[in-house]
Amino acid sequence: MGNVTVIRRISLNDAEPLAEVLARNREFLAPWDPARPPGFFTVAGQRAVIEQALRGVAQGVLEPQVILAGDQIIGRVTLSDIVRGSFESCNLGYWVSASVGGRGHATAAVAHISRLAFDDLRLHRIQAGILPHNIASQRVLEHNGFEPIGTARAYLKIADRWQDHVLYQLINPDTAGVGRG
């Protein structure tokens, strides 16, 4: 597996490798993810997830990417809840396989998708919510210039219970001062 991290838009051809990496990482990801039905970890389950994601792309509300090291899928990074108009904002989510954690892949993937959000999609702001005890994920954001903006109580249902999240944001440097008084 190569050390260079790249991202690209997800495709239906990714169903099988994603099912494999998710099945291998099921226990590792469980504390950080919503509760998943068993079918989620199958090729058919991932095909359904990808089909839904591609519908979100067509609607302009989602930008789903896979993270690769060499030619192997090692995770996902996604811009979701893309809102246009006066908000021009989105949410960021990402994960990488336990076998490659701590090697900079998540940091590189967040850097890539942040550039895509600002340069290609012309968004103003990216927000990410991280569990308070997920220090590694907080470091990924901080290495990419995200700043903490507060704690959202009972923000998301993760691991089958409502949990607080530390919210982070990154503002597009090209729009950061626009409109300030």
Protein backbone atom coordinates (compact mmCIF):
# COMPACT_ATOMS: atom_id res chain seq x y z
CA MET A 1 0.00 0.00 0.00
CA GLY A 2 1.43 3.37 -1.02
CA ASN A 3 1.96 6.27 1.32
CA VAL A 4 0.42 8.88 -0.97
CA THR A 5 -3.14 9.78 0.01
CA VAL A 6 -5.61 10.69 -2.70
CA ILE A 7 -9.34 11.13 -2.73
CA ARG A 8 -11.84 10.70 -5.55
CA ARG A 9 -15.60 10.66 -5.87
CA ILE A 10 -17.16 7.38 -4.80
CA SER A 11 -18.51 5.06 -7.52
CA LEU A 12 -20.63 1.91 -7.63
CA ASN A 13 -17.43 -0.03 -8.30
CA ASP A 14 -16.38 0.81 -4.73
CA ALA A 15 -19.14 -1.28 -3.11
CA GLU A 16 -17.08 -4.44 -2.72
CA PRO A 17 -13.84 -2.88 -1.42
CA LEU A 18 -15.80 -0.60 0.93
CA ALA A 19 -17.78 -3.55 2.29
CA GLU A 20 -14.51 -5.38 2.92
CA VAL A 21 -12.77 -2.49 4.72
CA LEU A 22 -15.90 -1.68 6.74
CA ALA A 23 -16.35 -5.32 7.80
CA ARG A 24 -12.69 -5.42 8.94
CA ASN A 25 -13.15 -2.16 10.86
CA ARG A 26 -16.63 -2.78 12.27
CA GLU A 27 -15.56 -2.87 15.92
CA PHE A 28 -13.00 -0.09 15.48
CA LEU A 29 -15.55 2.32 13.97
CA ALA A 30 -18.50 1.37 16.21
CA PRO A 31 -17.74 3.91 19.01
CA TRP A 32 -17.60 6.76 16.44
CA ASP A 33 -20.51 5.84 14.14
CA PRO A 34 -24.29 5.61 14.28
CA ALA A 35 -25.54 2.09 15.01
CA ARG A 36 -25.40 0.19 11.71
CA PRO A 37 -27.63 -2.73 10.64
CA PRO A 38 -25.73 -5.90 9.65
CA GLY A 39 -26.58 -5.34 5.97
CA PHE A 40 -24.56 -2.10 5.97
CA PHE A 41 -21.35 -4.16 5.96
CA THR A 42 -22.27 -6.15 2.83
CA VAL A 43 -21.64 -5.42 -0.84
CA ALA A 44 -25.39 -4.93 -1.37
CA GLY A 45 -25.55 -2.62 1.64
CA GLN A 46 -22.66 -0.52 0.37
CA ARG A 47 -24.15 -0.44 -3.12
CA ALA A 48 -27.33 1.05 -1.60
CA VAL A 49 -25.26 3.59 0.40
CA ILE A 50 -23.35 4.59 -2.73
CA GLU A 51 -26.52 4.89 -4.82
CA GLN A 52 -28.01 7.19 -2.19
CA ALA A 53 -24.79 9.20 -2.04
CA LEU A 54 -24.76 9.65 -5.82
CA ARG A 55 -28.36 10.89 -5.68
CA GLY A 56 -27.12 13.46 -3.14
CA VAL A 57 -24.41 14.53 -5.59
CA ALA A 58 -27.05 15.00 -8.31
CA GLN A 59 -29.08 17.14 -5.89
CA GLY A 60 -26.02 19.22 -4.98
CA VAL A 61 -26.18 18.38 -1.27
CA LEU A 62 -23.39 15.80 -0.94
CA GLU A 63 -19.80 15.29 -2.07
CA PRO A 64 -18.83 11.69 -1.17
CA GLN A 65 -15.20 10.66 -1.66
CA VAL A 66 -13.17 7.57 -0.98
CA ILE A 67 -9.71 7.82 0.54
CA LEU A 68 -7.02 5.79 -1.17
CA ALA A 69 -3.46 4.86 -0.34
CA GLY A 70 -2.04 3.68 -3.62
CA ASP A 71 -4.96 1.92 -5.29
CA GLN A 72 -6.49 0.59 -2.06
CA ILE A 73 -9.55 2.17 -0.42
CA ILE A 74 -8.70 2.93 3.20
CA GLY A 75 -11.59 5.19 4.19
CA ARG A 76 -14.11 7.84 3.25
CA VAL A 77 -14.39 11.61 3.50
CA THR A 78 -17.67 13.37 2.77
CA LEU A 79 -19.09 16.84 2.59
CA SER A 80 -22.77 16.58 3.50
CA ASP A 81 -25.71 18.87 4.11
CA ILE A 82 -24.39 21.33 1.52
CA VAL A 83 -26.52 24.47 1.80
CA ARG A 84 -26.30 27.29 -0.71
CA GLY A 85 -27.59 30.86 -0.63
CA SER A 86 -26.64 33.02 2.30
CA PHE A 87 -25.16 30.02 4.20
CA GLU A 88 -22.77 28.41 1.63
CA SER A 89 -21.80 25.80 4.21
CA CYS A 90 -21.53 22.04 4.74
CA ASN A 91 -20.68 19.34 7.25
CA LEU A 92 -17.56 17.19 7.09
CA GLY A 93 -17.26 13.54 8.06
CA TYR A 94 -14.37 11.10 7.61
CA TRP A 95 -12.89 7.82 8.75
CA VAL A 96 -9.85 5.71 7.94
CA SER A 97 -9.10 2.06 8.54
CA ALA A 98 -7.51 1.17 11.88
CA SER A 99 -4.59 -0.39 9.99
CA VAL A 100 -3.53 3.01 8.59
CA GLY A 101 -4.45 5.29 11.51
CA GLY A 102 -1.83 7.77 12.65
CA ARG A 103 -0.05 7.88 9.28
CA GLY A 104 -1.48 11.19 8.07
CA HIS A 105 -4.08 9.78 5.66
CA ALA A 106 -7.06 11.41 7.39
CA THR A 107 -5.19 14.71 7.66
CA ALA A 108 -4.33 14.62 3.95
CA ALA A 109 -7.89 13.63 2.98
CA VAL A 110 -9.37 16.52 4.99
CA ALA A 111 -6.88 18.90 3.33
CA HIS A 112 -7.92 17.63 -0.14
CA ILE A 113 -11.66 17.87 0.49
CA SER A 114 -11.31 21.30 2.12
CA ARG A 115 -9.66 22.57 -1.07
CA LEU A 116 -12.45 20.96 -3.11
CA ALA A 117 -15.07 22.64 -0.89
CA PHE A 118 -13.50 26.06 -1.23
CA ASP A 119 -11.94 26.03 -4.72
CA ASP A 120 -14.42 23.91 -6.69
CA LEU A 121 -17.70 24.18 -4.75
CA ARG A 122 -16.99 27.78 -3.65
CA LEU A 123 -18.35 27.18 -0.15
CA HIS A 124 -17.76 29.68 2.63
CA ARG A 125 -17.63 27.35 5.65
CA ILE A 126 -17.05 23.72 6.62
CA GLN A 127 -18.24 22.41 9.99
CA ALA A 128 -17.32 19.14 11.70
CA GLY A 129 -18.62 17.63 14.94
CA ILE A 130 -16.22 15.41 16.87
CA LEU A 131 -16.83 13.38 20.03
CA PRO A 132 -14.98 15.04 22.92
CA HIS A 133 -12.89 11.92 23.61
CA ASN A 134 -11.86 11.48 19.94
CA ILE A 135 -8.59 13.37 20.32
CA ALA A 136 -7.03 11.90 17.15
CA SER A 137 -9.87 13.23 15.00
CA GLN A 138 -9.67 16.63 16.70
CA ARG A 139 -5.96 16.75 15.82
CA VAL A 140 -6.77 15.98 12.16
CA LEU A 141 -9.01 19.04 12.06
CA GLU A 142 -6.59 21.27 13.95
CA HIS A 143 -3.74 20.30 11.57
CA ASN A 144 -6.00 21.55 8.77
CA GLY A 145 -6.70 24.92 10.40
CA PHE A 146 -10.16 24.13 11.82
CA GLU A 147 -10.98 25.95 15.03
CA PRO A 148 -13.25 24.76 17.84
CA ILE A 149 -16.39 26.88 18.16
CA GLY A 150 -18.21 25.18 21.03
CA THR A 151 -19.87 22.05 22.30
CA ALA A 152 -23.24 20.86 21.02
CA ARG A 153 -25.07 18.87 23.70
CA ALA A 154 -26.65 15.57 22.61
CA TYR A 155 -25.76 16.50 19.02
CA LEU A 156 -25.75 13.13 17.24
CA LYS A 157 -26.88 9.60 18.03
CA ILE A 158 -23.57 7.76 17.95
CA ALA A 159 -23.04 4.19 19.15
CA ASP A 160 -26.80 4.11 19.79
CA ARG A 161 -26.90 7.01 22.26
CA TRP A 162 -27.15 10.79 21.97
CA GLN A 163 -23.69 12.23 22.52
CA ASP A 164 -22.14 15.68 22.86
CA HIS A 165 -19.83 16.86 20.08
CA VAL A 166 -17.15 19.51 19.91
CA LEU A 167 -17.93 21.63 16.84
CA TYR A 168 -15.13 22.84 14.60
CA GLN A 169 -15.23 25.17 11.63
CA LEU A 170 -13.00 26.21 8.78
CA ILE A 171 -13.79 29.41 6.90
CA ASN A 172 -12.78 29.83 3.26
CA PRO A 173 -9.88 32.30 3.36
CA ASP A 174 -11.15 33.85 0.10
CA THR A 175 -14.48 34.77 1.76
CA ALA A 176 -13.38 35.19 5.39
CA GLY A 177 -13.39 38.99 5.41
CA VAL A 178 -16.21 39.52 2.93
CA GLY A 179 -19.14 41.34 4.52
CA ARG A 180 -17.45 42.06 7.84
CA GLY A 181 -18.22 45.46 9.28
